[in-house]
């Protein structure tokens, strides 16, 4: 489990296909063999993956075909930067919101507007996801916990402060690019239970 508070960034230094599974080598000073172990979970651009091995100070993860299909991982390239967050420890403060690292879908950035030192991003998403996205609610974008500021039939907006723009890869986003989306798990359960009550009646 994660909180959407990115702890650092990593760089893709090697990609190799293993019968449909993408093996990814990431360089980062955040994740090292002295403080992390093989088998631990880590959020990479919002995707929960398992550390499979260390090579020098780099670490490897495997992205299965389902992950490649549902996320932006099929577009990763050498030297791409990624957001990193280690799994939440029970002693840590919950500064963002609960994220499982189970990406629901992707969204496309359609507009970026500057407002003072912040930026407002408009993202287009499949309308089937909109019941889980509410104004003032939480959403995970490439592993970053953000607050939704406006919603439409198939779009929503988030506002990013200078710190988030600087400390995550979201500050490098351009119009037309895709991002990973994880909607709020609590919202999913509420919608599911409400639908079951309606069906029962």
Foldseek 3Di string as FASTA:
>chain_A
DFQQPFDAKWFFADWDDDPQKIKTKIDDPVAAVVVDPFQFWKAKQLATWTFHDDDHGITITIHHNVNVVAFVVVVDDGGDMITIDGDDDPPDDNPAHDGDNDFDHKWFFADWADDPQKIKTKTFAPLVCVLLADAQDWKHWRSHIFGWHADDSGMTMTMGHPVCLPRGCVVVDDGGDMITIDGDPVSVVVVVVVVVVVVVD
